[in-house]
Amino acid sequence: MPLGLILGIGRVFRRKRTSSLDILSPKRAPRGYYKGKNCKPTGFHTRKGGYVLMHEKLPNYVVPDLTDFKLKPYVSQCPREVQTSETAK
């Protein structure tokens, strides 16, 4: 009984840490592994080292016409002081 307890404690200490398992870089991975930047490819590589862009894979952003829109596109970092009823007293 005590021997089994000692062996069980030894197994706990031999286990790898979970924090080291989630770090995977191309230096620690098998040969040929490419991690990338979590982006989808926009084309493909040719046999002679070229790259062909596919227009179907390029992102297409649809932006509405904002010519008569009342709001500004950004918030100013230097706001003007506005008189309110609490500060006027």
N, C-alpha and C. Protein backbone atom coordinates (compact mmCIF):
# COMPACT_ATOMS: atom_id res chain seq x y z
N MET A 1 0.81 -1.22 0.00
CA MET A 1 0.00 0.00 0.00
C MET A 1 0.85 1.27 0.00
N PRO A 2 1.83 1.41 0.90
CA PRO A 2 2.63 2.63 0.86
C PRO A 2 3.45 2.74 -0.42
N LEU A 3 3.85 1.61 -1.01
CA LEU A 3 4.63 1.67 -2.24
C LEU A 3 3.80 2.23 -3.38
N GLY A 4 2.53 1.81 -3.47
CA GLY A 4 1.65 2.34 -4.51
C GLY A 4 1.41 3.83 -4.36
N LEU A 5 1.33 4.29 -3.13
CA LEU A 5 1.15 5.72 -2.88
C LEU A 5 2.37 6.52 -3.33
N ILE A 6 3.55 5.96 -3.05
CA ILE A 6 4.79 6.64 -3.46
C ILE A 6 4.90 6.67 -4.98
N LEU A 7 4.54 5.58 -5.65
CA LEU A 7 4.59 5.55 -7.12
C LEU A 7 3.58 6.52 -7.73
N GLY A 8 2.42 6.66 -7.11
CA GLY A 8 1.41 7.60 -7.61
C GLY A 8 1.88 9.04 -7.50
N ILE A 9 2.55 9.37 -6.40
CA ILE A 9 3.09 10.73 -6.25
C ILE A 9 4.19 10.99 -7.26
N GLY A 10 4.99 9.96 -7.56
CA GLY A 10 6.05 10.12 -8.56
C GLY A 10 5.50 10.40 -9.94
N ARG A 11 4.38 9.77 -10.28
CA ARG A 11 3.77 10.02 -11.59
C ARG A 11 3.27 11.45 -11.72
N VAL A 12 2.79 12.02 -10.64
CA VAL A 12 2.28 13.38 -10.66
C VAL A 12 3.41 14.35 -10.99
N PHE A 13 4.58 14.12 -10.42
CA PHE A 13 5.70 15.03 -10.65
C PHE A 13 6.34 14.84 -12.02
N ARG A 14 6.18 13.66 -12.63
CA ARG A 14 6.75 13.42 -13.95
C ARG A 14 5.89 13.99 -15.07
N ARG A 15 4.66 14.33 -14.80
CA ARG A 15 3.75 14.84 -15.82
C ARG A 15 4.22 16.19 -16.33
N LYS A 16 4.12 16.43 -17.63
CA LYS A 16 4.52 17.71 -18.21
C LYS A 16 3.55 18.80 -17.80
N ARG A 17 4.06 19.99 -17.71
CA ARG A 17 3.21 21.12 -17.38
C ARG A 17 2.33 21.49 -18.57
N THR A 18 1.10 21.87 -18.31
CA THR A 18 0.18 22.22 -19.39
C THR A 18 0.56 23.55 -20.04
N SER A 19 1.25 24.42 -19.30
CA SER A 19 1.61 25.71 -19.88
C SER A 19 2.66 25.55 -20.97
N SER A 20 3.51 24.53 -20.89
CA SER A 20 4.53 24.34 -21.91
C SER A 20 3.99 23.62 -23.14
N LEU A 21 2.84 22.97 -23.01
CA LEU A 21 2.29 22.23 -24.14
C LEU A 21 1.62 23.12 -25.17
N ASP A 22 1.10 24.28 -24.76
CA ASP A 22 0.36 25.11 -25.71
C ASP A 22 1.27 26.01 -26.55
N ILE A 23 2.55 26.12 -26.21
CA ILE A 23 3.47 26.94 -26.99
C ILE A 23 4.05 26.09 -28.11
N LEU A 24 3.68 26.38 -29.33
CA LEU A 24 4.20 25.63 -30.47
C LEU A 24 4.69 26.62 -31.50
N SER A 25 5.97 26.65 -31.71
CA SER A 25 6.57 27.52 -32.70
C SER A 25 7.24 26.64 -33.76
N PRO A 26 7.57 27.20 -34.92
CA PRO A 26 8.24 26.39 -35.94
C PRO A 26 9.58 25.83 -35.47
N LYS A 27 10.22 26.46 -34.48
CA LYS A 27 11.49 25.92 -33.99
C LYS A 27 11.28 24.66 -33.16
N ARG A 28 10.14 24.52 -32.49
CA ARG A 28 9.88 23.37 -31.64
C ARG A 28 9.05 22.30 -32.35
N ALA A 29 8.55 22.60 -33.53
CA ALA A 29 7.66 21.69 -34.26
C ALA A 29 8.47 20.80 -35.21
N PRO A 30 7.83 19.81 -35.82
CA PRO A 30 8.53 18.97 -36.79
C PRO A 30 8.97 19.77 -38.01
N ARG A 31 9.87 19.18 -38.78
CA ARG A 31 10.39 19.85 -39.98
C ARG A 31 9.27 20.08 -40.99
N GLY A 32 9.24 21.25 -41.60
CA GLY A 32 8.22 21.57 -42.58
C GLY A 32 6.97 22.19 -41.98
N TYR A 33 6.92 22.35 -40.68
CA TYR A 33 5.74 22.95 -40.04
C TYR A 33 5.76 24.46 -40.22
N TYR A 34 4.65 25.03 -40.66
CA TYR A 34 4.52 26.48 -40.83
C TYR A 34 3.31 26.94 -40.05
N LYS A 35 3.54 27.73 -39.03
CA LYS A 35 2.46 28.14 -38.15
C LYS A 35 1.57 29.19 -38.81
N GLY A 36 2.16 30.16 -39.46
CA GLY A 36 1.38 31.21 -40.10
C GLY A 36 0.88 32.24 -39.11
N LYS A 37 0.06 33.15 -39.58
CA LYS A 37 -0.47 34.23 -38.75
C LYS A 37 -1.99 34.15 -38.65
N ASN A 38 -2.54 32.96 -38.77
CA ASN A 38 -3.98 32.75 -38.65
C ASN A 38 -4.76 33.48 -39.74
N CYS A 39 -4.18 33.55 -40.94
CA CYS A 39 -4.83 34.20 -42.08
C CYS A 39 -5.11 33.14 -43.15
N LYS A 40 -6.11 33.42 -43.95
CA LYS A 40 -6.42 32.51 -45.04
C LYS A 40 -5.56 32.88 -46.25
N PRO A 41 -5.12 31.89 -47.02
CA PRO A 41 -4.30 32.20 -48.19
C PRO A 41 -5.12 32.89 -49.27
N THR A 42 -4.47 33.79 -50.02
CA THR A 42 -5.16 34.53 -51.07
C THR A 42 -4.80 34.00 -52.45
N GLY A 43 -4.07 32.90 -52.52
CA GLY A 43 -3.67 32.34 -53.80
C GLY A 43 -2.92 31.04 -53.58
N PHE A 44 -2.00 30.74 -54.52
CA PHE A 44 -1.22 29.51 -54.39
C PHE A 44 0.16 29.71 -54.99
N HIS A 45 1.11 28.86 -54.59
CA HIS A 45 2.47 28.91 -55.09
C HIS A 45 2.58 28.05 -56.33
N THR A 46 3.37 28.51 -57.29
CA THR A 46 3.61 27.73 -58.50
C THR A 46 4.84 26.85 -58.31
N ARG A 47 5.09 25.97 -59.26
CA ARG A 47 6.25 25.08 -59.17
C ARG A 47 7.57 25.83 -59.28
N LYS A 48 7.57 26.94 -59.97
CA LYS A 48 8.82 27.69 -60.19
C LYS A 48 9.04 28.80 -59.18
N GLY A 49 8.29 28.80 -58.09
CA GLY A 49 8.52 29.78 -57.03
C GLY A 49 7.67 31.03 -57.11
N GLY A 50 6.76 31.11 -58.05
CA GLY A 50 5.90 32.29 -58.16
C GLY A 50 4.68 32.16 -57.26
N TYR A 51 3.89 33.19 -57.24
CA TYR A 51 2.66 33.19 -56.45
C TYR A 51 1.55 33.77 -57.29
N VAL A 52 0.43 33.07 -57.37
CA VAL A 52 -0.71 33.49 -58.18
C VAL A 52 -1.82 33.92 -57.25
N LEU A 53 -2.24 35.19 -57.37
CA LEU A 53 -3.35 35.70 -56.58
C LEU A 53 -4.67 35.28 -57.22
N MET A 54 -5.58 34.84 -56.39
CA MET A 54 -6.92 34.49 -56.86
C MET A 54 -7.87 35.56 -56.35
N HIS A 55 -8.53 36.26 -57.26
CA HIS A 55 -9.41 37.38 -56.88
C HIS A 55 -10.63 36.90 -56.10
N GLU A 56 -10.99 35.63 -56.24
CA GLU A 56 -12.13 35.11 -55.47
C GLU A 56 -11.79 35.00 -53.99
N LYS A 57 -10.49 34.87 -53.66
CA LYS A 57 -10.07 34.70 -52.27
C LYS A 57 -9.70 36.03 -51.60
N LEU A 58 -9.64 37.11 -52.34
CA LEU A 58 -9.32 38.41 -51.75
C LEU A 58 -10.52 38.94 -50.97
N PRO A 59 -10.28 39.62 -49.84
CA PRO A 59 -11.41 40.14 -49.07
C PRO A 59 -12.13 41.26 -49.81
N ASN A 60 -13.45 41.26 -49.72
CA ASN A 60 -14.27 42.26 -50.39
C ASN A 60 -15.05 43.02 -49.31
N TYR A 61 -14.70 44.28 -49.10
CA TYR A 61 -15.36 45.09 -48.07
C TYR A 61 -16.46 45.92 -48.70
N VAL A 62 -17.66 45.82 -48.15
CA VAL A 62 -18.81 46.60 -48.62
C VAL A 62 -19.02 47.74 -47.64
N VAL A 63 -18.79 48.98 -48.10
CA VAL A 63 -18.91 50.15 -47.24
C VAL A 63 -20.07 51.00 -47.75
N PRO A 64 -21.00 51.38 -46.89
CA PRO A 64 -22.12 52.22 -47.35
C PRO A 64 -21.66 53.65 -47.62
N ASP A 65 -22.46 54.38 -48.39
CA ASP A 65 -22.17 55.78 -48.70
C ASP A 65 -22.47 56.64 -47.47
N LEU A 66 -21.47 57.36 -46.96
CA LEU A 66 -21.61 58.14 -45.74
C LEU A 66 -21.49 59.64 -46.00
N THR A 67 -21.94 60.12 -47.14
CA THR A 67 -21.77 61.53 -47.47
C THR A 67 -22.62 62.44 -46.57
N ASP A 68 -23.87 62.10 -46.27
CA ASP A 68 -24.75 62.94 -45.46
C ASP A 68 -24.90 62.39 -44.04
N PHE A 69 -23.91 61.71 -43.55
CA PHE A 69 -23.98 61.10 -42.22
C PHE A 69 -23.60 62.15 -41.18
N LYS A 70 -24.35 62.24 -40.07
CA LYS A 70 -24.17 63.30 -39.09
C LYS A 70 -22.97 63.08 -38.17
N LEU A 71 -22.65 61.84 -37.85
CA LEU A 71 -21.59 61.56 -36.89
C LEU A 71 -20.21 61.68 -37.52
N LYS A 72 -19.23 61.98 -36.70
CA LYS A 72 -17.85 62.08 -37.15
C LYS A 72 -17.23 60.68 -37.18
N PRO A 73 -16.19 60.48 -37.98
CA PRO A 73 -15.59 59.15 -38.04
C PRO A 73 -14.72 58.81 -36.84
N TYR A 74 -14.37 59.78 -36.01
CA TYR A 74 -13.54 59.52 -34.85
C TYR A 74 -13.95 60.43 -33.70
N VAL A 75 -13.48 60.13 -32.52
CA VAL A 75 -13.76 60.94 -31.35
C VAL A 75 -12.51 61.75 -31.06
N SER A 76 -12.67 63.03 -30.87
CA SER A 76 -11.54 63.91 -30.62
C SER A 76 -10.93 63.62 -29.25
N GLN A 77 -9.60 63.72 -29.17
CA GLN A 77 -8.92 63.52 -27.90
C GLN A 77 -8.97 64.78 -27.04
N CYS A 78 -9.28 65.91 -27.63
CA CYS A 78 -9.36 67.18 -26.90
C CYS A 78 -10.81 67.68 -26.97
N PRO A 79 -11.67 67.22 -26.09
CA PRO A 79 -13.08 67.63 -26.17
C PRO A 79 -13.26 69.08 -25.71
N ARG A 80 -14.25 69.72 -26.29
CA ARG A 80 -14.59 71.09 -25.88
C ARG A 80 -15.37 71.03 -24.58
N GLU A 81 -15.22 72.07 -23.76
CA GLU A 81 -15.98 72.12 -22.51
C GLU A 81 -17.41 72.54 -22.83
N VAL A 82 -18.36 71.80 -22.31
CA VAL A 82 -19.76 72.06 -22.56
C VAL A 82 -20.42 72.48 -21.25
N GLN A 83 -21.22 73.56 -21.30
CA GLN A 83 -21.92 74.03 -20.12
C GLN A 83 -23.17 73.19 -19.91
N THR A 84 -23.28 72.57 -18.76
CA THR A 84 -24.48 71.82 -18.41
C THR A 84 -25.16 72.54 -17.26
N SER A 85 -26.34 72.10 -16.88
CA SER A 85 -27.10 72.76 -15.80
C SER A 85 -26.39 72.62 -14.44
N GLU A 86 -25.65 71.53 -14.25
CA GLU A 86 -24.96 71.34 -12.97
C GLU A 86 -23.75 72.27 -12.85
N THR A 87 -22.99 72.47 -13.93
CA THR A 87 -21.81 73.32 -13.87
C THR A 87 -22.16 74.81 -13.97
N ALA A 88 -23.34 75.15 -14.45
CA ALA A 88 -23.72 76.57 -14.59
C ALA A 88 -24.08 77.19 -13.25
N LYS A 89 -24.43 76.40 -12.25
CA LYS A 89 -24.84 76.94 -10.96
C LYS A 89 -23.70 77.47 -10.15
